[in-house]
Protein backbone atom coordinates (compact mmCIF):
# COMPACT_ATOMS: atom_id res chain seq x y z
CA UNK A 1 -25.24 -15.83 22.19
CA UNK A 2 -21.62 -15.03 21.28
CA UNK A 3 -20.67 -15.10 17.60
CA UNK A 4 -17.92 -17.50 16.63
CA UNK A 5 -14.64 -15.91 15.55
CA UNK A 6 -11.99 -16.85 13.03
CA UNK A 7 -8.43 -15.54 13.10
CA UNK A 8 -6.39 -14.38 10.11
CA UNK A 9 -2.94 -12.87 9.86
CA UNK A 10 -2.21 -10.08 7.38
CA UNK A 11 1.34 -9.39 6.16
CA UNK A 12 2.22 -6.30 4.16
CA UNK A 13 5.58 -5.15 2.81
CA UNK A 14 5.01 -2.24 0.48
CA UNK A 15 6.66 -0.05 -2.12
CA UNK A 16 8.47 1.95 0.58
CA UNK A 17 10.72 -1.09 1.19
CA UNK A 18 10.96 -0.24 4.89
CA UNK A 19 9.85 -3.53 6.45
CA UNK A 20 7.05 -5.93 7.33
CA UNK A 21 3.73 -5.02 8.94
CA UNK A 22 2.01 -8.00 10.55
CA UNK A 23 -1.43 -8.02 12.18
CA UNK A 24 -3.70 -10.59 13.78
CA UNK A 25 -7.37 -9.95 13.07
CA UNK A 26 -10.46 -11.63 14.54
CA UNK A 27 -13.48 -11.85 12.22
CA UNK A 28 -17.09 -12.70 12.96
CA UNK A 29 -20.09 -12.51 10.65
CA UNK A 30 -20.79 -8.93 11.70
CA UNK A 31 -17.50 -7.39 12.85
CA UNK A 32 -13.72 -7.49 12.67
CA UNK A 33 -11.15 -6.51 15.24
CA UNK A 34 -7.39 -5.99 15.05
CA UNK A 35 -5.97 -7.85 18.03
CA UNK A 36 -2.22 -7.31 17.77
CA UNK A 37 0.43 -5.91 15.44
CA UNK A 38 4.20 -6.12 15.00
CA UNK A 39 6.66 -4.40 12.71
CA UNK A 40 9.95 -5.89 11.50
CA UNK A 41 12.23 -3.41 9.68
CA UNK A 42 14.27 -4.55 6.71
CA UNK A 43 18.06 -4.58 7.13
CA UNK A 44 19.78 -2.24 4.68
CA UNK A 45 21.36 -5.14 2.78
CA UNK A 46 17.94 -6.65 1.98
CA UNK A 47 16.53 -3.26 1.04
CA UNK A 48 19.37 -2.73 -1.42
CA UNK A 49 18.83 -6.20 -2.92
CA UNK A 50 15.16 -5.41 -3.44
CA UNK A 51 15.90 -2.03 -4.99
CA UNK A 52 18.37 -3.66 -7.39
CA UNK A 53 15.75 -6.19 -8.48
CA UNK A 54 13.52 -3.40 -9.75
CA UNK A 55 15.80 -3.10 -12.78
CA UNK A 56 17.33 -5.78 -15.04
CA UNK A 57 20.59 -7.30 -13.76
CA UNK A 58 22.74 -10.42 -13.95
CA UNK A 59 21.46 -13.70 -12.51
CA UNK A 60 18.11 -12.20 -11.55
CA UNK A 61 16.28 -15.53 -11.31
CA UNK A 62 18.69 -16.92 -8.72
CA UNK A 63 18.64 -13.68 -6.73
CA UNK A 64 14.84 -13.56 -6.79
CA UNK A 65 14.59 -17.12 -5.50
CA UNK A 66 17.10 -16.54 -2.70
CA UNK A 67 15.49 -13.25 -1.65
CA UNK A 68 12.01 -14.84 -1.77
CA UNK A 69 13.07 -17.47 0.76
CA UNK A 70 14.75 -14.81 2.90
CA UNK A 71 11.50 -12.84 2.90
CA UNK A 72 9.47 -15.94 3.82
CA UNK A 73 11.71 -16.52 6.84
CA UNK A 74 11.28 -12.91 7.91
CA UNK A 75 7.51 -13.14 7.40
CA UNK A 76 7.46 -16.31 9.52
CA UNK A 77 9.44 -14.58 12.27
CA UNK A 78 6.92 -11.72 12.31
CA UNK A 79 3.99 -14.16 12.43
CA UNK A 80 5.53 -16.18 15.27
CA UNK A 81 6.21 -13.02 17.31
CA UNK A 82 2.66 -11.84 16.66
CA UNK A 83 1.13 -15.11 17.94
CA UNK A 84 3.48 -15.20 20.93
CA UNK A 85 2.39 -11.70 21.95
CA UNK A 86 -1.25 -12.78 21.74
CA UNK A 87 -0.80 -16.23 23.33
CA UNK A 88 -2.63 -17.72 20.34
CA UNK A 89 -1.52 -20.98 18.74
CA UNK A 90 -0.87 -21.41 15.03
CA UNK A 91 -3.67 -24.00 14.90
CA UNK A 92 -6.17 -21.29 15.87
CA UNK A 93 -5.33 -19.21 12.77
CA UNK A 94 -7.24 -20.01 9.58
CA UNK A 95 -4.73 -18.48 7.17
CA UNK A 96 -2.05 -15.89 6.53
CA UNK A 97 -2.73 -13.33 3.81
CA UNK A 98 0.68 -12.27 2.50
CA UNK A 99 1.13 -9.59 -0.13
CA UNK A 100 4.80 -10.29 -0.90
CA UNK A 101 7.33 -7.69 -2.02
CA UNK A 102 6.59 -6.10 -5.37
CA UNK A 103 9.62 -5.79 -7.67
CA UNK A 104 7.82 -5.42 -11.02
CA UNK A 105 4.29 -4.29 -11.77
CA UNK A 106 3.52 -4.47 -15.49
CA UNK A 107 -0.23 -5.08 -15.93
CA UNK A 108 -0.11 -3.85 -19.53
CA UNK A 109 2.33 -6.70 -20.23
CA UNK A 110 0.07 -9.10 -18.33
CA UNK A 111 2.09 -9.69 -15.18
CA UNK A 112 3.02 -8.50 -11.72
CA UNK A 113 5.74 -9.95 -9.48
CA UNK A 114 5.64 -10.02 -5.69
CA UNK A 115 8.57 -11.90 -4.16
CA UNK A 116 7.70 -14.50 -1.53
CA UNK A 117 8.00 -18.23 -0.89
CA UNK A 118 4.54 -19.11 0.47
CA UNK A 119 5.35 -22.84 0.60
CA UNK A 120 8.21 -22.08 2.98
CA UNK A 121 6.04 -19.66 4.96
CA UNK A 122 3.45 -22.40 5.49
CA UNK A 123 6.17 -24.86 6.46
CA UNK A 124 7.74 -22.49 8.99
CA UNK A 125 4.50 -21.32 10.63
CA UNK A 126 2.24 -24.35 10.38
CA UNK A 127 -0.47 -22.06 8.99
CA UNK A 128 -2.08 -22.06 5.55
CA UNK A 129 -0.68 -19.21 3.43
CA UNK A 130 -2.61 -17.31 0.77
CA UNK A 131 -0.44 -15.32 -1.63
CA UNK A 132 -0.21 -13.82 -5.13
CA UNK A 133 -3.44 -11.83 -4.81
CA UNK A 134 -2.86 -9.58 -7.84
CA UNK A 135 -2.31 -12.07 -10.68
CA UNK A 136 -5.91 -13.29 -10.98
CA UNK A 137 -7.23 -9.76 -11.42
CA UNK A 138 -4.63 -9.12 -14.14
CA UNK A 139 -5.61 -12.40 -15.83
CA UNK A 140 -9.18 -11.06 -15.92
CA UNK A 141 -8.02 -7.91 -17.71
CA UNK A 142 -7.49 -5.72 -14.64
CA UNK A 143 -4.61 -3.69 -13.28
CA UNK A 144 -4.15 -5.99 -10.27
CA UNK A 145 -4.14 -2.85 -8.13
CA UNK A 146 -5.24 -1.26 -6.00
CA UNK A 147 -6.89 -4.14 -4.15
CA UNK A 148 -7.61 -2.39 -0.85
CA UNK A 149 -10.71 -0.44 -2.05
CA UNK A 150 -12.91 -3.53 -1.60
CA UNK A 151 -11.74 -3.68 2.00
CA UNK A 152 -12.21 0.07 2.47
CA UNK A 153 -15.79 -0.25 1.21
CA UNK A 154 -16.50 -3.13 3.60
CA UNK A 155 -15.03 -1.26 6.56
CA UNK A 156 -15.77 2.42 6.03
CA UNK A 157 -18.79 2.91 3.75
CA UNK A 158 -21.22 5.29 5.48
CA UNK A 159 -24.92 5.69 4.61
CA UNK A 160 -24.90 9.46 5.10
CA UNK A 161 -21.32 10.66 4.59
CA UNK A 162 -19.41 10.64 1.30
CA UNK A 163 -15.93 9.49 2.29
CA UNK A 164 -12.61 9.11 0.48
CA UNK A 165 -9.89 6.87 1.93
CA UNK A 166 -6.36 7.82 0.85
CA UNK A 167 -3.51 5.39 1.41
CA UNK A 168 -0.11 7.10 1.29
CA UNK A 169 2.52 4.39 1.14
CA UNK A 170 5.33 4.34 -1.38
CA UNK A 171 2.63 4.96 -3.99
CA UNK A 172 -0.55 6.82 -3.04
CA UNK A 173 -3.98 5.48 -3.90
CA UNK A 174 -7.53 6.45 -3.07
CA UNK A 175 -10.91 4.82 -2.60
CA UNK A 176 -14.04 6.84 -3.33
CA UNK A 177 -17.03 5.79 -1.20
CA UNK A 178 -20.03 7.76 -2.51
CA UNK A 179 -23.52 7.48 -1.06
CA UNK A 180 -24.72 5.81 -4.25
CA UNK A 181 -23.07 4.29 -7.28
CA UNK A 182 -19.90 2.25 -7.62
CA UNK A 183 -16.95 2.37 -5.30
CA UNK A 184 -13.96 3.39 -7.38
CA UNK A 185 -10.26 3.48 -6.56
CA UNK A 186 -6.94 3.98 -8.29
CA UNK A 187 -3.31 4.94 -7.77
CA UNK A 188 -2.75 8.69 -7.64
CA UNK A 189 1.04 8.76 -8.10
CA UNK A 190 4.09 8.82 -5.81
CA UNK A 191 3.32 8.77 -2.12
CA UNK A 192 6.42 8.52 0.05
CA UNK A 193 8.87 6.76 -2.26
CA UNK A 194 10.42 9.84 -3.89
CA UNK A 195 10.54 11.76 -0.61
CA UNK A 196 12.14 8.78 1.15
CA UNK A 197 14.72 8.24 -1.59
CA UNK A 198 15.68 11.94 -1.70
CA UNK A 199 15.87 12.13 2.10
CA UNK A 200 18.15 9.08 2.28
CA UNK A 201 20.39 10.44 -0.49
CA UNK A 202 20.83 13.94 0.95
CA UNK A 203 20.03 13.75 4.68
CA UNK A 204 21.09 10.16 5.43
CA UNK A 205 17.69 9.25 6.92
CA UNK A 206 15.30 6.64 5.48
CA UNK A 207 12.39 9.08 5.72
CA UNK A 208 11.62 12.68 6.60
CA UNK A 209 10.13 12.41 10.10
CA UNK A 210 6.93 14.45 10.30
CA UNK A 211 7.98 16.21 7.09
CA UNK A 212 10.19 18.57 9.11
CA UNK A 213 12.94 18.71 6.48
CA UNK A 214 10.41 19.43 3.73
CA UNK A 215 8.89 22.12 5.93
CA UNK A 216 12.28 23.89 6.06
CA UNK A 217 12.35 24.19 2.27
CA UNK A 218 10.45 26.17 -0.35
CA UNK A 219 8.47 24.60 -3.20
CA UNK A 220 10.15 25.06 -6.58
CA UNK A 221 7.13 25.86 -8.75
CA UNK A 222 8.81 25.22 -12.09
CA UNK A 223 10.07 21.82 -10.94
CA UNK A 224 6.65 20.90 -9.56
CA UNK A 225 5.00 21.63 -12.92
CA UNK A 226 7.57 19.49 -14.73
CA UNK A 227 6.93 16.59 -12.37
CA UNK A 228 3.17 16.95 -12.73
CA UNK A 229 3.56 16.73 -16.52
CA UNK A 230 4.20 12.97 -16.22
CA UNK A 231 1.75 11.16 -18.50
CA UNK A 232 0.49 9.05 -15.59
CA UNK A 233 -1.35 12.03 -14.13
CA UNK A 234 -3.30 12.54 -17.34
CA UNK A 235 -4.44 8.91 -17.55
CA UNK A 236 -8.01 8.08 -16.58
CA UNK A 237 -8.77 5.35 -14.01
CA UNK A 238 -8.45 2.44 -13.70
CA UNK A 239 -4.70 2.92 -13.37
CA UNK A 240 -1.85 1.76 -11.17
CA UNK A 241 1.77 2.82 -10.68
CA UNK A 242 5.05 1.65 -9.20
CA UNK A 243 8.76 2.33 -9.10
CA UNK A 244 8.79 1.74 -12.85
CA UNK A 245 6.97 5.07 -13.18
CA UNK A 246 8.46 7.16 -10.36
CA UNK A 247 12.07 6.83 -9.21
CA UNK A 248 15.21 8.87 -8.55
CA UNK A 249 16.56 8.68 -12.15
CA UNK A 250 13.22 10.05 -13.38
CA UNK A 251 13.46 12.91 -10.86
CA UNK A 252 17.12 13.69 -11.61
CA UNK A 253 16.45 14.49 -15.27
CA UNK A 254 14.52 17.58 -14.17
CA UNK A 255 17.22 18.92 -11.81
CA UNK A 256 20.03 21.32 -12.66
CA UNK A 257 22.05 20.36 -9.59
CA UNK A 258 21.88 23.86 -8.14
CA UNK A 259 18.69 23.32 -6.15
CA UNK A 260 18.80 23.27 -2.37
CA UNK A 261 18.03 19.69 -1.27
CA UNK A 262 15.41 20.84 1.23
CA UNK A 263 13.61 22.77 -1.55
CA UNK A 264 13.48 19.62 -3.68
CA UNK A 265 12.09 17.75 -0.68
CA UNK A 266 9.42 20.42 -0.20
CA UNK A 267 8.55 20.10 -3.89
CA UNK A 268 8.29 16.31 -3.70
CA UNK A 269 5.93 16.58 -0.74
CA UNK A 270 3.82 19.05 -2.72
CA UNK A 271 3.83 16.65 -5.68
CA UNK A 272 2.26 13.99 -3.47
CA UNK A 273 -0.30 16.46 -2.10
CA UNK A 274 -1.22 17.98 -5.49
CA UNK A 275 -1.59 14.65 -7.26
CA UNK A 276 -3.90 13.36 -4.52
CA UNK A 277 -5.89 16.61 -4.38
CA UNK A 278 -6.36 16.71 -8.16
CA UNK A 279 -7.46 13.06 -8.20
CA UNK A 280 -10.06 13.82 -5.53
CA UNK A 281 -11.23 16.94 -7.33
CA UNK A 282 -11.63 15.15 -10.68
CA UNK A 283 -13.06 11.83 -9.57
CA UNK A 284 -14.61 12.22 -6.09
CA UNK A 285 -17.04 15.09 -6.56
CA UNK A 286 -19.08 15.82 -3.46
CA UNK A 287 -16.67 14.18 -0.99
CA UNK A 288 -17.25 15.34 2.58
CA UNK A 289 -14.58 13.51 4.55
CA UNK A 290 -11.01 12.45 3.70
CA UNK A 291 -9.29 9.80 5.81
CA UNK A 292 -5.59 9.04 5.44
CA UNK A 293 -3.71 5.81 6.13
CA UNK A 294 -0.21 4.49 5.47
CA UNK A 295 3.05 6.12 6.51
CA UNK A 296 2.08 9.45 4.96
CA UNK A 297 -0.77 9.79 7.46
CA UNK A 298 1.92 10.42 10.14
CA UNK A 299 3.62 13.19 8.17
CA UNK A 300 2.34 16.32 9.89
CA UNK A 301 3.60 18.67 7.17
CA UNK A 302 1.87 16.61 4.48
CA UNK A 303 -1.36 16.43 6.48
CA UNK A 304 -1.31 20.21 7.02
CA UNK A 305 -0.71 20.82 3.31
CA UNK A 306 -3.56 18.44 2.41
CA UNK A 307 -5.91 20.34 4.72
CA UNK A 308 -4.94 23.66 3.10
CA UNK A 309 -5.10 22.38 -0.48
CA UNK A 310 -8.43 20.56 -0.31
CA UNK A 311 -11.68 22.47 -0.04
CA UNK A 312 -12.96 19.60 2.13
CA UNK A 313 -12.84 20.55 5.78
CA UNK A 314 -12.47 17.12 7.38
CA UNK A 315 -9.06 15.53 6.68
CA UNK A 316 -7.83 13.09 9.32
CA UNK A 317 -6.11 9.70 9.82
CA UNK A 318 -8.28 6.56 9.79
CA UNK A 319 -7.63 6.31 13.53
CA UNK A 320 -10.82 8.39 13.82
CA UNK A 321 -12.71 5.49 12.21
CA UNK A 322 -11.32 2.98 14.69
CA UNK A 323 -8.48 1.50 12.59
CA UNK A 324 -4.90 2.62 13.18
CA UNK A 325 -3.60 4.23 9.97
CA UNK A 326 -0.26 2.42 10.29
CA UNK A 327 -1.81 -1.06 10.13
CA UNK A 328 -4.69 -0.62 7.72
CA UNK A 329 -3.05 -2.22 4.67
CA UNK A 330 -1.91 -5.32 6.58
CA UNK A 331 -5.47 -5.53 7.96
CA UNK A 332 -6.69 -5.46 4.33
CA UNK A 333 -4.66 -8.54 3.42
CA UNK A 334 -6.04 -10.44 6.40
CA UNK A 335 -9.49 -9.51 5.05
CA UNK A 336 -8.55 -10.55 1.51
CA UNK A 337 -7.31 -13.90 2.83
CA UNK A 338 -10.67 -14.39 4.55
CA UNK A 339 -12.48 -13.58 1.29
CA UNK A 340 -10.41 -16.21 -0.50
CA UNK A 341 -10.99 -18.83 2.19
CA UNK A 342 -14.75 -18.21 1.98
CA UNK A 343 -14.74 -18.42 -1.82
CA UNK A 344 -15.69 -14.75 -2.17
CA UNK A 345 -14.37 -12.18 -4.63
CA UNK A 346 -11.70 -9.78 -3.39
CA UNK A 347 -11.47 -7.35 -6.29
CA UNK A 348 -13.79 -4.61 -7.53
CA UNK A 349 -13.95 -4.50 -11.36
CA UNK A 350 -14.91 -0.81 -11.26
CA UNK A 351 -11.59 -0.20 -9.49
CA UNK A 352 -9.14 -2.46 -11.31
CA UNK A 353 -10.79 -2.72 -14.72
CA UNK A 354 -11.13 -6.51 -14.52
CA UNK A 355 -13.88 -8.08 -16.61
CA UNK A 356 -15.57 -9.61 -13.56
CA UNK A 357 -15.20 -10.17 -9.80
CA UNK A 358 -12.54 -12.77 -8.96
CA UNK A 359 -11.57 -14.96 -6.04
CA UNK A 360 -8.01 -13.79 -5.48
CA UNK A 361 -4.89 -15.55 -4.32
CA UNK A 362 -3.22 -18.94 -4.42
CA UNK A 363 -3.68 -21.20 -1.38
CA UNK A 364 -0.79 -23.12 0.16
CA UNK A 365 -2.44 -25.47 2.68
CA UNK A 366 -0.79 -26.49 5.91
């Protein structure tokens, strides 16, 4: 007898500010399957608006509202293309799980802001939207991030292999999946965001393809040590980070101006590698396998450096586990939307520091 399936869409637009990942996922009681995916890049004008909203400016409230509606229209366009490619009607989809675009993440002040207009998204797609996943965890005393470890545990926990899943987006985060004990997870520090910003500033490209530019440079040891002295790296989990912590102005204070740009890029790549490796060494003792996802999983220079730096022999993209590394985070928000629709918790208190498990997200019914 065939199991019945439900369909959910996951939408992710992350700290890298590069665009929208959209996936359609089929769930049954025993399995899940990514059916289709689409990517919609952000135009440069929108990217600049979002970057500007990370810092205080004039008329922010109006700009946030206008950009939120713009994002909802772009999300709807991605959803409609996704369903068209699959020949699946909107009525067949239970809900859209939409992360929104983070512009401020201040859990210590009791809030996090992800821009989106889920009411408009529901109106444009004819599908129930579930949004604002992070606020409930923060209300319960948590960091509101990372949320994907619960999904990683559901998908990748192995009875005989101690695994660590490392997501390298704008910010890097890890999930520790030991054979016994709690799943833990936390942000490690900058993933791609500093490398991307430096590459755009000096090479005119939005990212360093395969890390080739970084590979042409030499790590500046003194600069690397200064960057690693950031107080975030000394904090114990649970912890989360964002552009408030790591950004170009923060980097520039450590530069004399005489450095070769490619050497700075090499140093920023090593910062990402070292911060992840040290987090694994300190908090994931006994790990046997490391699996990477997010844009950083496609950076060959970064992957090679990770393999050399870690004493763990097996370092590979999550493709090996049957889930494309490029789409894993969007998949996670489809899963989180399903948790919400079933009335099940989506956070892990051991990860976020929340007082208790919470049903996450606000529902905007069709």
